């Protein structure tokens, strides 16, 4: 079962957040040999509003840290105010096993428009 982490994004601003993947023992999960992918959308089945979130690993993959980011241009294109769902999946390169590790809600707060 994936951990739940809810996030907030300010529309039109650069966004970054780090999440820590933990194993069943509660310790950071070693992400060596894995790739990661994160997506967000206004609903689980929405394809029109689907956005890929950039994922990067900590230099030391044994920390279990995955950084999520969007550019200011990407957040400007998001609907706001709105609540999106998102998830982060990791794939073991050796056998292509996919595991959802983080999921939650992203609240997008609108910026002031002219």
N, C-alpha and C. Protein backbone atom coordinates (compact mmCIF):
# COMPACT_ATOMS: atom_id res chain seq x y z
N UNK A 1 0.83 -1.17 0.00
CA UNK A 1 0.00 0.00 0.00
C UNK A 1 0.88 1.24 0.00
N UNK A 2 0.51 2.21 -0.83
CA UNK A 2 1.29 3.44 -0.97
C UNK A 2 1.07 4.36 0.23
N UNK A 3 2.10 5.10 0.57
CA UNK A 3 1.98 6.13 1.60
C UNK A 3 1.21 7.31 1.02
N UNK A 4 0.54 8.06 1.88
CA UNK A 4 -0.23 9.22 1.45
C UNK A 4 0.52 10.49 1.85
N UNK A 5 0.71 11.38 0.89
CA UNK A 5 1.34 12.68 1.14
C UNK A 5 0.58 13.72 0.31
N UNK A 6 -0.12 14.62 0.98
CA UNK A 6 -0.85 15.67 0.29
C UNK A 6 0.06 16.89 0.12
N UNK A 7 -0.05 17.54 -1.04
CA UNK A 7 0.84 18.64 -1.39
C UNK A 7 0.04 19.87 -1.80
N UNK A 8 0.68 21.04 -1.79
CA UNK A 8 0.07 22.28 -2.26
C UNK A 8 0.99 22.92 -3.28
N UNK A 9 0.40 23.39 -4.39
CA UNK A 9 1.15 24.07 -5.44
C UNK A 9 0.55 25.45 -5.62
N UNK A 10 1.41 26.47 -5.72
CA UNK A 10 0.98 27.82 -6.06
C UNK A 10 1.03 27.97 -7.57
N UNK A 11 -0.12 28.25 -8.17
CA UNK A 11 -0.20 28.39 -9.62
C UNK A 11 0.75 29.49 -10.09
N UNK A 12 1.52 29.21 -11.14
CA UNK A 12 2.44 30.18 -11.71
C UNK A 12 3.79 30.27 -11.04
N UNK A 13 4.00 29.46 -10.00
CA UNK A 13 5.29 29.47 -9.29
C UNK A 13 6.00 28.14 -9.51
N UNK A 14 7.32 28.16 -9.45
CA UNK A 14 8.07 26.90 -9.52
C UNK A 14 7.70 26.06 -8.30
N UNK A 15 7.62 24.76 -8.50
CA UNK A 15 7.23 23.85 -7.42
C UNK A 15 8.29 22.78 -7.26
N UNK A 16 8.64 22.47 -6.02
CA UNK A 16 9.48 21.31 -5.74
C UNK A 16 9.15 20.80 -4.35
N UNK A 17 9.20 19.50 -4.22
CA UNK A 17 8.95 18.85 -2.94
C UNK A 17 9.67 17.51 -2.97
N UNK A 18 10.12 17.08 -1.82
CA UNK A 18 10.78 15.78 -1.72
C UNK A 18 9.91 14.85 -0.90
N UNK A 19 9.87 13.60 -1.33
CA UNK A 19 9.16 12.55 -0.59
C UNK A 19 10.17 11.45 -0.28
N UNK A 20 9.98 10.79 0.85
CA UNK A 20 10.87 9.70 1.22
C UNK A 20 10.12 8.39 1.16
N UNK A 21 10.60 7.48 0.34
CA UNK A 21 10.02 6.14 0.22
C UNK A 21 10.60 5.30 1.35
N UNK A 22 9.71 4.64 2.09
CA UNK A 22 10.16 3.80 3.20
C UNK A 22 9.72 2.36 2.96
N UNK A 23 10.53 1.44 3.45
CA UNK A 23 10.21 0.01 3.36
C UNK A 23 9.23 -0.39 4.44
N UNK A 24 8.85 -1.65 4.44
CA UNK A 24 7.91 -2.15 5.45
C UNK A 24 8.45 -2.01 6.87
N UNK A 25 9.78 -1.95 6.99
CA UNK A 25 10.40 -1.80 8.31
C UNK A 25 10.44 -0.35 8.78
N UNK A 26 9.94 0.58 7.95
CA UNK A 26 9.91 1.99 8.31
C UNK A 26 11.19 2.74 8.01
N UNK A 27 12.19 2.04 7.48
CA UNK A 27 13.47 2.66 7.14
C UNK A 27 13.46 3.12 5.69
N UNK A 28 14.30 4.11 5.33
CA UNK A 28 14.37 4.54 3.93
C UNK A 28 14.64 3.37 3.00
N UNK A 29 13.93 3.37 1.87
CA UNK A 29 14.03 2.29 0.89
C UNK A 29 15.17 2.58 -0.08
N UNK A 30 16.01 1.60 -0.33
CA UNK A 30 17.13 1.76 -1.27
C UNK A 30 16.58 1.75 -2.69
N UNK A 31 16.69 2.88 -3.38
CA UNK A 31 16.15 3.04 -4.73
C UNK A 31 17.17 2.74 -5.82
N UNK A 32 18.28 2.13 -5.47
CA UNK A 32 19.27 1.72 -6.45
C UNK A 32 18.63 0.71 -7.40
N UNK A 33 18.77 0.94 -8.71
CA UNK A 33 18.22 0.03 -9.71
C UNK A 33 16.76 0.32 -10.07
N UNK A 34 16.24 1.45 -9.62
CA UNK A 34 14.85 1.82 -9.90
C UNK A 34 14.78 3.09 -10.74
N UNK A 35 13.69 3.24 -11.46
CA UNK A 35 13.31 4.50 -12.09
C UNK A 35 12.03 4.95 -11.40
N UNK A 36 11.67 6.22 -11.58
CA UNK A 36 10.46 6.74 -10.95
C UNK A 36 9.66 7.55 -11.96
N UNK A 37 8.35 7.57 -11.75
CA UNK A 37 7.45 8.36 -12.60
C UNK A 37 6.33 8.89 -11.72
N UNK A 38 5.95 10.14 -11.93
CA UNK A 38 4.85 10.74 -11.18
C UNK A 38 3.92 11.46 -12.14
N UNK A 39 2.62 11.33 -11.88
CA UNK A 39 1.61 11.99 -12.71
C UNK A 39 0.56 12.60 -11.81
N UNK A 40 -0.09 13.65 -12.33
CA UNK A 40 -1.21 14.25 -11.61
C UNK A 40 -2.32 14.53 -12.61
N UNK A 41 -3.57 14.55 -12.12
CA UNK A 41 -4.72 14.81 -12.97
C UNK A 41 -5.88 15.26 -12.09
N UNK A 42 -6.87 15.90 -12.73
CA UNK A 42 -8.05 16.35 -11.98
C UNK A 42 -8.90 15.19 -11.49
N UNK A 43 -8.74 14.05 -12.08
CA UNK A 43 -9.45 12.85 -11.65
C UNK A 43 -8.68 11.63 -12.09
N UNK A 44 -8.96 10.50 -11.47
CA UNK A 44 -8.19 9.29 -11.76
C UNK A 44 -8.27 8.88 -13.22
N UNK A 45 -9.38 9.14 -13.88
CA UNK A 45 -9.54 8.70 -15.28
C UNK A 45 -9.36 9.83 -16.28
N UNK A 46 -9.08 11.04 -15.80
CA UNK A 46 -8.94 12.19 -16.68
C UNK A 46 -7.67 12.07 -17.53
N UNK A 47 -7.83 12.23 -18.82
CA UNK A 47 -6.66 12.26 -19.70
C UNK A 47 -6.38 13.68 -20.17
N UNK A 48 -7.39 14.53 -20.19
CA UNK A 48 -7.23 15.91 -20.64
C UNK A 48 -6.36 16.71 -19.69
N UNK A 49 -6.46 16.44 -18.41
CA UNK A 49 -5.74 17.24 -17.42
C UNK A 49 -4.51 16.53 -16.85
N UNK A 50 -4.07 15.48 -17.48
CA UNK A 50 -2.93 14.71 -16.97
C UNK A 50 -1.62 15.48 -17.19
N UNK A 51 -0.83 15.59 -16.12
CA UNK A 51 0.45 16.29 -16.17
C UNK A 51 1.52 15.38 -15.60
N UNK A 52 2.65 15.29 -16.28
CA UNK A 52 3.78 14.53 -15.76
C UNK A 52 4.59 15.42 -14.84
N UNK A 53 4.89 14.91 -13.66
CA UNK A 53 5.71 15.63 -12.69
C UNK A 53 7.14 15.11 -12.84
N UNK A 54 8.10 16.02 -12.92
CA UNK A 54 9.50 15.63 -13.03
C UNK A 54 9.95 14.96 -11.74
N UNK A 55 10.62 13.82 -11.87
CA UNK A 55 11.13 13.09 -10.70
C UNK A 55 12.65 12.97 -10.81
N UNK A 56 13.32 13.17 -9.68
CA UNK A 56 14.76 12.95 -9.60
C UNK A 56 15.08 12.27 -8.28
N UNK A 57 16.12 11.47 -8.29
CA UNK A 57 16.55 10.77 -7.08
C UNK A 57 17.63 11.56 -6.36
N UNK A 58 17.69 11.40 -5.05
CA UNK A 58 18.79 11.91 -4.26
C UNK A 58 20.07 11.26 -4.78
N UNK A 59 21.20 11.97 -4.72
CA UNK A 59 22.47 11.41 -5.19
C UNK A 59 22.77 10.08 -4.51
N UNK A 60 22.42 9.96 -3.24
CA UNK A 60 22.58 8.71 -2.50
C UNK A 60 21.22 8.01 -2.50
N UNK A 61 21.03 7.09 -3.40
CA UNK A 61 19.72 6.45 -3.56
C UNK A 61 19.29 5.63 -2.35
N UNK A 62 20.21 5.35 -1.43
CA UNK A 62 19.82 4.58 -0.24
C UNK A 62 19.01 5.42 0.74
N UNK A 63 18.89 6.73 0.51
CA UNK A 63 18.10 7.60 1.38
C UNK A 63 16.60 7.48 1.11
N UNK A 64 16.23 6.90 -0.05
CA UNK A 64 14.82 6.76 -0.40
C UNK A 64 14.15 8.04 -0.85
N UNK A 65 14.93 9.09 -1.07
CA UNK A 65 14.35 10.40 -1.40
C UNK A 65 14.14 10.56 -2.90
N UNK A 66 12.90 10.94 -3.26
CA UNK A 66 12.56 11.29 -4.63
C UNK A 66 12.08 12.73 -4.61
N UNK A 67 12.65 13.57 -5.47
CA UNK A 67 12.23 14.96 -5.57
C UNK A 67 11.24 15.10 -6.72
N UNK A 68 10.18 15.84 -6.47
CA UNK A 68 9.14 16.11 -7.46
C UNK A 68 9.22 17.59 -7.82
N UNK A 69 9.07 17.92 -9.10
CA UNK A 69 9.13 19.34 -9.47
C UNK A 69 8.31 19.63 -10.72
N UNK A 70 7.87 20.90 -10.79
CA UNK A 70 7.20 21.46 -11.96
C UNK A 70 7.75 22.86 -12.17
N UNK A 71 7.85 23.27 -13.42
CA UNK A 71 8.30 24.63 -13.72
C UNK A 71 7.16 25.61 -13.48
N UNK A 72 7.49 26.90 -13.43
CA UNK A 72 6.47 27.93 -13.28
C UNK A 72 5.48 27.88 -14.44
N UNK A 73 5.98 27.62 -15.65
CA UNK A 73 5.09 27.53 -16.82
C UNK A 73 4.12 26.34 -16.67
N UNK A 74 4.61 25.22 -16.14
CA UNK A 74 3.73 24.06 -15.95
C UNK A 74 2.65 24.35 -14.90
N UNK A 75 3.02 24.99 -13.79
CA UNK A 75 2.01 25.27 -12.76
C UNK A 75 1.04 26.34 -13.23
N UNK A 76 1.48 27.27 -14.09
CA UNK A 76 0.59 28.30 -14.63
C UNK A 76 -0.51 27.67 -15.48
N UNK A 77 -0.20 26.54 -16.11
CA UNK A 77 -1.17 25.86 -16.98
C UNK A 77 -2.18 25.01 -16.20
N UNK A 78 -1.98 24.84 -14.89
CA UNK A 78 -2.90 24.04 -14.09
C UNK A 78 -4.18 24.81 -13.78
N UNK A 79 -5.30 24.10 -13.70
CA UNK A 79 -6.55 24.71 -13.26
C UNK A 79 -6.42 25.11 -11.80
N UNK A 80 -6.97 26.27 -11.45
CA UNK A 80 -6.91 26.70 -10.05
C UNK A 80 -8.07 27.66 -9.78
N UNK A 81 -8.65 27.63 -8.62
CA UNK A 81 -8.35 26.67 -7.57
C UNK A 81 -8.85 25.29 -7.97
N UNK A 82 -8.11 24.28 -7.59
CA UNK A 82 -8.48 22.90 -7.95
C UNK A 82 -7.77 21.91 -7.05
N UNK A 83 -8.32 20.71 -7.02
CA UNK A 83 -7.69 19.60 -6.32
C UNK A 83 -7.41 18.51 -7.33
N UNK A 84 -6.17 18.12 -7.42
CA UNK A 84 -5.71 17.07 -8.31
C UNK A 84 -5.37 15.83 -7.48
N UNK A 85 -5.41 14.68 -8.12
CA UNK A 85 -4.87 13.46 -7.52
C UNK A 85 -3.52 13.21 -8.17
N UNK A 86 -2.62 12.55 -7.44
CA UNK A 86 -1.32 12.24 -8.02
C UNK A 86 -0.81 10.94 -7.43
N UNK A 87 0.15 10.36 -8.13
CA UNK A 87 0.85 9.21 -7.56
C UNK A 87 2.27 9.16 -8.08
N UNK A 88 3.11 8.45 -7.33
CA UNK A 88 4.50 8.22 -7.69
C UNK A 88 4.70 6.72 -7.74
N UNK A 89 5.21 6.25 -8.86
CA UNK A 89 5.48 4.82 -9.02
C UNK A 89 6.96 4.62 -9.29
N UNK A 90 7.50 3.54 -8.74
CA UNK A 90 8.89 3.17 -9.02
C UNK A 90 8.87 1.86 -9.80
N UNK A 91 9.84 1.71 -10.68
CA UNK A 91 9.96 0.50 -11.50
C UNK A 91 11.34 -0.09 -11.29
N UNK A 92 11.38 -1.36 -10.90
CA UNK A 92 12.65 -2.07 -10.77
C UNK A 92 13.14 -2.40 -12.16
N UNK A 93 14.28 -1.84 -12.54
CA UNK A 93 14.80 -1.99 -13.89
C UNK A 93 15.04 -3.45 -14.25
N UNK A 94 15.49 -4.26 -13.32
CA UNK A 94 15.85 -5.65 -13.59
C UNK A 94 14.69 -6.49 -14.11
N UNK A 95 13.48 -6.29 -13.57
CA UNK A 95 12.36 -7.14 -13.99
C UNK A 95 11.08 -6.37 -14.32
N UNK A 96 11.17 -5.04 -14.39
CA UNK A 96 10.04 -4.16 -14.75
C UNK A 96 8.87 -4.20 -13.76
N UNK A 97 9.12 -4.60 -12.52
CA UNK A 97 8.08 -4.58 -11.50
C UNK A 97 7.77 -3.14 -11.12
N UNK A 98 6.48 -2.77 -11.20
CA UNK A 98 6.04 -1.41 -10.88
C UNK A 98 5.35 -1.42 -9.52
N UNK A 99 5.71 -0.45 -8.68
CA UNK A 99 5.11 -0.33 -7.36
C UNK A 99 4.71 1.12 -7.12
N UNK A 100 3.45 1.35 -6.75
CA UNK A 100 3.03 2.69 -6.36
C UNK A 100 3.51 2.92 -4.93
N UNK A 101 4.28 3.99 -4.71
CA UNK A 101 4.87 4.21 -3.39
C UNK A 101 4.29 5.41 -2.65
N UNK A 102 3.82 6.41 -3.39
CA UNK A 102 3.25 7.62 -2.79
C UNK A 102 2.01 8.00 -3.60
N UNK A 103 0.97 8.46 -2.91
CA UNK A 103 -0.20 8.97 -3.59
C UNK A 103 -0.83 10.04 -2.71
N UNK A 104 -1.69 10.84 -3.31
CA UNK A 104 -2.36 11.85 -2.50
C UNK A 104 -3.08 12.88 -3.34
N UNK A 105 -3.37 13.99 -2.70
CA UNK A 105 -4.08 15.09 -3.33
C UNK A 105 -3.14 16.29 -3.40
N UNK A 106 -3.18 16.96 -4.53
CA UNK A 106 -2.45 18.21 -4.70
C UNK A 106 -3.48 19.32 -4.80
N UNK A 107 -3.39 20.28 -3.90
CA UNK A 107 -4.25 21.46 -3.95
C UNK A 107 -3.50 22.56 -4.71
N UNK A 108 -4.13 23.09 -5.76
CA UNK A 108 -3.51 24.16 -6.53
C UNK A 108 -4.20 25.47 -6.16
N UNK A 109 -3.39 26.39 -5.63
CA UNK A 109 -3.91 27.71 -5.23
C UNK A 109 -3.69 28.68 -6.37
N UNK A 110 -4.71 29.45 -6.74
CA UNK A 110 -4.59 30.36 -7.89
C UNK A 110 -3.68 31.54 -7.61
N UNK A 111 -3.10 32.07 -8.70
CA UNK A 111 -2.35 33.30 -8.58
C UNK A 111 -3.24 34.45 -9.00
N UNK A 112 -2.81 35.65 -8.73
CA UNK A 112 -3.57 36.83 -9.11
C UNK A 112 -3.34 37.10 -10.59
N UNK A 113 -4.41 37.27 -11.32
CA UNK A 113 -4.29 37.53 -12.76
C UNK A 113 -4.63 38.98 -13.03
N UNK A 114 -4.15 39.47 -14.15
CA UNK A 114 -4.43 40.87 -14.49
C UNK A 114 -5.52 40.97 -15.52
